[in-house]
C-alpha atoms as a PDB file:
ATOM      1  CA  MET A   1     -18.406  35.116  10.070  1.00  0.00           C
ATOM      2  CA  THR A   2     -16.535  31.315  11.379  1.00  0.00           C
ATOM      3  CA  LYS A   3     -13.036  31.440  10.869  1.00  0.00           C
ATOM      4  CA  ALA A   4     -10.947  28.667   9.137  1.00  0.00           C
ATOM      5  CA  ARG A   5      -9.653  26.021  11.166  1.00  0.00           C
ATOM      6  CA  PHE A   6      -5.784  25.765  10.945  1.00  0.00           C
ATOM      7  CA  VAL A   7      -6.664  21.986  10.088  1.00  0.00           C
ATOM      8  CA  ASP A   8      -8.622  23.003   7.262  1.00  0.00           C
ATOM      9  CA  SER A   9      -5.387  24.452   4.864  1.00  0.00           C
ATOM     10  CA  TYR A  10      -3.328  22.262   7.264  1.00  0.00           C
ATOM     11  CA  LEU A  11      -1.225  19.594   4.216  1.00  0.00           C
ATOM     12  CA  LEU A  12      -0.743  16.894   6.328  1.00  0.00           C
ATOM     13  CA  TYR A  13      -4.295  16.867   7.666  1.00  0.00           C
ATOM     14  CA  LEU A  14      -5.550  17.697   4.237  1.00  0.00           C
ATOM     15  CA  MET A  15      -3.276  14.788   3.191  1.00  0.00           C
ATOM     16  CA  ALA A  16      -4.588  12.177   5.343  1.00  0.00           C
ATOM     17  CA  VAL A  17      -8.022  12.880   5.318  1.00  0.00           C
ATOM     18  CA  ALA A  18      -7.582  12.497   1.618  1.00  0.00           C
ATOM     19  CA  SER A  19      -6.085   9.242   1.991  1.00  0.00           C
ATOM     20  CA  GLU A  20      -8.785   7.875   4.381  1.00  0.00           C
ATOM     21  CA  ARG A  21     -11.579   8.734   2.715  1.00  0.00           C
ATOM     22  CA  ALA A  22     -10.269   7.564  -1.146  1.00  0.00           C
ATOM     23  CA  SER A  23      -8.726   4.387   0.952  1.00  0.00           C
ATOM     24  CA  ASP A  24     -12.365   3.500   2.662  1.00  0.00           C
ATOM     25  CA  SER A  25     -14.589   2.247  -0.278  1.00  0.00           C
ATOM     26  CA  PHE A  26     -11.459   0.601  -1.844  1.00  0.00           C
ATOM     27  CA  HIS A  27     -11.133  -1.135   1.841  1.00  0.00           C
ATOM     28  CA  VAL A  28     -14.485  -2.697   1.334  1.00  0.00           C
ATOM     29  CA  GLN A  29     -13.210  -4.804  -1.354  1.00  0.00           C
ATOM     30  CA  VAL A  30     -10.046  -5.594   0.518  1.00  0.00           C
ATOM     31  CA  ARG A  31     -12.055  -7.063   2.943  1.00  0.00           C
ATOM     32  CA  ASN A  32     -14.437  -8.544   0.748  1.00  0.00           C
ATOM     33  CA  ALA A  33     -11.598 -10.409  -0.590  1.00  0.00           C
ATOM     34  CA  GLY A  34     -11.461 -11.906   2.968  1.00  0.00           C
ATOM     35  CA  LEU A  35      -7.692  -9.484   3.719  1.00  0.00           C
ATOM     36  CA  ARG A  36      -7.052  -6.798   5.868  1.00  0.00           C
ATOM     37  CA  VAL A  37      -5.409  -3.531   5.261  1.00  0.00           C
ATOM     38  CA  PRO A  38      -2.266  -4.495   6.207  1.00  0.00           C
ATOM     39  CA  GLU A  39      -2.463  -7.972   4.121  1.00  0.00           C
ATOM     40  CA  TRP A  40      -3.341  -6.062   1.072  1.00  0.00           C
ATOM     41  CA  ARG A  41      -0.440  -4.021   1.561  1.00  0.00           C
ATOM     42  CA  VAL A  42       1.958  -6.511   1.579  1.00  0.00           C
ATOM     43  CA  LEU A  43       0.453  -7.728  -1.442  1.00  0.00           C
ATOM     44  CA  ALA A  44       0.761  -4.197  -3.789  1.00  0.00           C
ATOM     45  CA  CYS A  45       4.539  -4.280  -2.252  1.00  0.00           C
ATOM     46  CA  LEU A  46       5.153  -7.876  -3.719  1.00  0.00           C
ATOM     47  CA  ILE A  47       3.218  -8.222  -6.521  1.00  0.00           C
ATOM     48  CA  ASP A  48       5.804  -6.619  -9.002  1.00  0.00           C
ATOM     49  CA  SER A  49       9.022  -6.559  -6.771  1.00  0.00           C
ATOM     50  CA  PRO A  50      11.706  -9.237  -6.738  1.00  0.00           C
ATOM     51  CA  PRO A  51      11.864 -11.438  -3.016  1.00  0.00           C
ATOM     52  CA  LEU A  52      12.064  -8.502  -0.531  1.00  0.00           C
ATOM     53  CA  MET A  53      13.634  -8.792   3.072  1.00  0.00           C
ATOM     54  CA  VAL A  54      10.901  -8.644   5.856  1.00  0.00           C
ATOM     55  CA  THR A  55      13.065  -4.854   6.744  1.00  0.00           C
ATOM     56  CA  GLU A  56      12.230  -3.753   2.660  1.00  0.00           C
ATOM     57  CA  LEU A  57       8.481  -4.792   2.777  1.00  0.00           C
ATOM     58  CA  ALA A  58       7.942  -3.158   6.021  1.00  0.00           C
ATOM     59  CA  ASP A  59       9.502  -0.022   5.104  1.00  0.00           C
ATOM     60  CA  LEU A  60       7.409  -0.337   1.892  1.00  0.00           C
ATOM     61  CA  ALA A  61       4.215  -1.137   3.249  1.00  0.00           C
ATOM     62  CA  LEU A  62       4.286   1.713   6.154  1.00  0.00           C
ATOM     63  CA  LEU A  63       4.209  -0.478   8.701  1.00  0.00           C
ATOM     64  CA  GLU A  64       6.364  -1.655  11.654  1.00  0.00           C
ATOM     65  CA  GLN A  65       8.567  -4.446  11.508  1.00  0.00           C
ATOM     66  CA  SER A  66       7.549  -6.456  14.160  1.00  0.00           C
ATOM     67  CA  ARG A  67       4.000  -5.886  13.459  1.00  0.00           C
ATOM     68  CA  MET A  68       5.127  -6.839   9.512  1.00  0.00           C
ATOM     69  CA  THR A  69       7.095 -10.139  10.668  1.00  0.00           C
ATOM     70  CA  LYS A  70       3.319 -11.432  12.181  1.00  0.00           C
ATOM     71  CA  ILE A  71       1.953 -10.507   9.422  1.00  0.00           C
ATOM     72  CA  ILE A  72       3.991 -12.508   6.861  1.00  0.00           C
ATOM     73  CA  ASP A  73       3.656 -15.527   9.681  1.00  0.00           C
ATOM     74  CA  GLN A  74      -0.185 -15.549   9.408  1.00  0.00           C
ATOM     75  CA  MET A  75      -0.368 -14.606   5.273  1.00  0.00           C
ATOM     76  CA  ASP A  76       2.249 -17.776   5.728  1.00  0.00           C
ATOM     77  CA  ALA A  77       0.051 -19.826   7.216  1.00  0.00           C
ATOM     78  CA  ARG A  78      -2.728 -19.190   4.463  1.00  0.00           C
ATOM     79  CA  ASP A  79      -0.403 -19.776   1.570  1.00  0.00           C
ATOM     80  CA  LEU A  80      -0.590 -16.023   0.907  1.00  0.00           C
ATOM     81  CA  VAL A  81       3.298 -15.508   0.574  1.00  0.00           C
ATOM     82  CA  MET A  82       6.477 -18.133   1.554  1.00  0.00           C
ATOM     83  CA  ARG A  83       9.300 -16.998   3.084  1.00  0.00           C
ATOM     84  CA  GLN A  84      12.633 -17.964   1.082  1.00  0.00           C
ATOM     85  CA  PRO A  85      16.615 -18.002   3.098  1.00  0.00           C
ATOM     86  CA  ASP A  86      19.334 -15.265   1.540  1.00  0.00           C
ATOM     87  CA  PRO A  87      21.526 -18.081  -0.467  1.00  0.00           C
ATOM     88  CA  ARG A  88      24.374 -15.627   0.624  1.00  0.00           C
ATOM     89  CA  ASP A  89      23.621 -14.780   4.390  1.00  0.00           C
ATOM     90  CA  ARG A  90      21.037 -17.720   5.529  1.00  0.00           C
ATOM     91  CA  ARG A  91      19.724 -15.490   8.400  1.00  0.00           C
ATOM     92  CA  ARG A  92      18.186 -13.376   6.371  1.00  0.00           C
ATOM     93  CA  VAL A  93      14.683 -14.314   4.326  1.00  0.00           C
ATOM     94  CA  HIS A  94      13.211 -13.070   1.361  1.00  0.00           C
ATOM     95  CA  ILE A  95       8.933 -12.773   1.038  1.00  0.00           C
ATOM     96  CA  SER A  96       7.513 -13.125  -2.230  1.00  0.00           C
ATOM     97  CA  LEU A  97       3.940 -14.564  -3.200  1.00  0.00           C
ATOM     98  CA  THR A  98       3.138 -17.871  -3.960  1.00  0.00           C
ATOM     99  CA  VAL A  99       0.499 -18.613  -6.575  1.00  0.00           C
ATOM    100  CA  GLU A 100      -2.659 -18.403  -4.687  1.00  0.00           C
ATOM    101  CA  GLY A 101      -1.187 -14.794  -3.172  1.00  0.00           C
ATOM    102  CA  ARG A 102      -0.166 -13.512  -6.656  1.00  0.00           C
ATOM    103  CA  ALA A 103      -4.076 -14.113  -8.229  1.00  0.00           C
ATOM    104  CA  ILE A 104      -5.341 -12.514  -5.338  1.00  0.00           C
ATOM    105  CA  ALA A 105      -3.061  -9.452  -5.235  1.00  0.00           C
ATOM    106  CA  LEU A 106      -3.496  -9.677  -9.319  1.00  0.00           C
ATOM    107  CA  SER A 107      -7.402  -8.940  -9.407  1.00  0.00           C
ATOM    108  CA  LEU A 108      -7.109  -6.404  -6.655  1.00  0.00           C
ATOM    109  CA  VAL A 109      -4.095  -4.607  -8.401  1.00  0.00           C
ATOM    110  CA  ASN A 110      -7.060  -4.100 -10.926  1.00  0.00           C
ATOM    111  CA  LYS A 111      -9.769  -3.299  -9.036  1.00  0.00           C
ATOM    112  CA  ALA A 112      -7.601  -0.266  -7.435  1.00  0.00           C
ATOM    113  CA  LYS A 113      -6.797   0.744 -10.622  1.00  0.00           C
ATOM    114  CA  ASP A 114      -9.926   1.198 -11.215  1.00  0.00           C
ATOM    115  CA  HIS A 115     -10.680   2.820  -7.988  1.00  0.00           C
ATOM    116  CA  GLU A 116      -8.069   5.365  -8.980  1.00  0.00           C
ATOM    117  CA  VAL A 117      -9.738   5.799 -12.016  1.00  0.00           C
ATOM    118  CA  GLU A 118     -12.990   6.758 -10.593  1.00  0.00           C
ATOM    119  CA  LEU A 119     -11.083   8.807  -7.994  1.00  0.00           C
ATOM    120  CA  MET A 120      -9.271  10.691 -10.956  1.00  0.00           C
ATOM    121  CA  ALA A 121     -12.430  11.698 -12.610  1.00  0.00           C
ATOM    122  CA  SER A 122     -13.838  13.447  -9.728  1.00  0.00           C
ATOM    123  CA  LEU A 123     -11.060  16.287 -10.208  1.00  0.00           C
ATOM    124  CA  ALA A 124     -10.670  18.418 -13.332  1.00  0.00           C
ATOM    125  CA  ASP A 125      -8.208  17.218 -15.878  1.00  0.00           C
ATOM    126  CA  THR A 126      -5.267  19.604 -15.052  1.00  0.00           C
ATOM    127  CA  ASP A 127      -6.080  18.454 -11.512  1.00  0.00           C
ATOM    128  CA  ALA A 128      -5.746  14.907 -11.837  1.00  0.00           C
ATOM    129  CA  ALA A 129      -2.842  15.245 -13.840  1.00  0.00           C
ATOM    130  CA  ARG A 130      -0.935  17.177 -11.842  1.00  0.00           C
ATOM    131  CA  ILE A 131      -1.432  15.208  -8.416  1.00  0.00           C
ATOM    132  CA  LYS A 132       0.791  12.240  -9.001  1.00  0.00           C
ATOM    133  CA  PRO A 133       3.879  14.495  -9.636  1.00  0.00           C
ATOM    134  CA  VAL A 134       3.304  16.872  -7.164  1.00  0.00           C
ATOM    135  CA  LEU A 135       3.042  13.917  -4.720  1.00  0.00           C
ATOM    136  CA  MET A 136       5.705  12.289  -6.077  1.00  0.00           C
ATOM    137  CA  ALA A 137       8.091  15.290  -6.067  1.00  0.00           C
ATOM    138  CA  LEU A 138       7.198  16.245  -2.462  1.00  0.00           C
ATOM    139  CA  LEU A 139       8.164  12.346  -1.677  1.00  0.00           C
ATOM    140  CA  GLN A 140      11.367  12.988  -3.567  1.00  0.00           C
ATOM    141  CA  ALA A 141      12.020  16.119  -1.457  1.00  0.00           C
ATOM    142  CA  LEU A 142      11.304  14.141   2.261  1.00  0.00           C
ATOM    143  CA  SER A 143      13.418  11.505   1.139  1.00  0.00           C
ATOM    144  CA  ALA A 144      16.282  13.570   0.694  1.00  0.00           C
END
């Protein structure tokens, strides 16, 4: 009889693997839209947010600030996002979507929602109903 491996029941490993496997199939659609995954994260974070400072956007998109700055530079050059100086502090810059960036983001958000419905359909109804509230509660506990 084979002994169970530690990682087979380790919460952090299970969450990481589930996230990676669930994301893989959607990331194909992201690449088909001409984006890299970090760019998709930026679009997803900005679609229904007010303009965000780079630090806020980096935190929300789970990226290091220095990497975020490079991604914003590239996305700005492609007219997907725009920089706006803060009227109260010109040293601060806020990032928002351009018209083109918003159109791509809306399309991908709709595809992401469809993808999520497919993922949730693979779970029992009670598990599907509980998974988001449980993860939100865990995130809230970790933020405290």
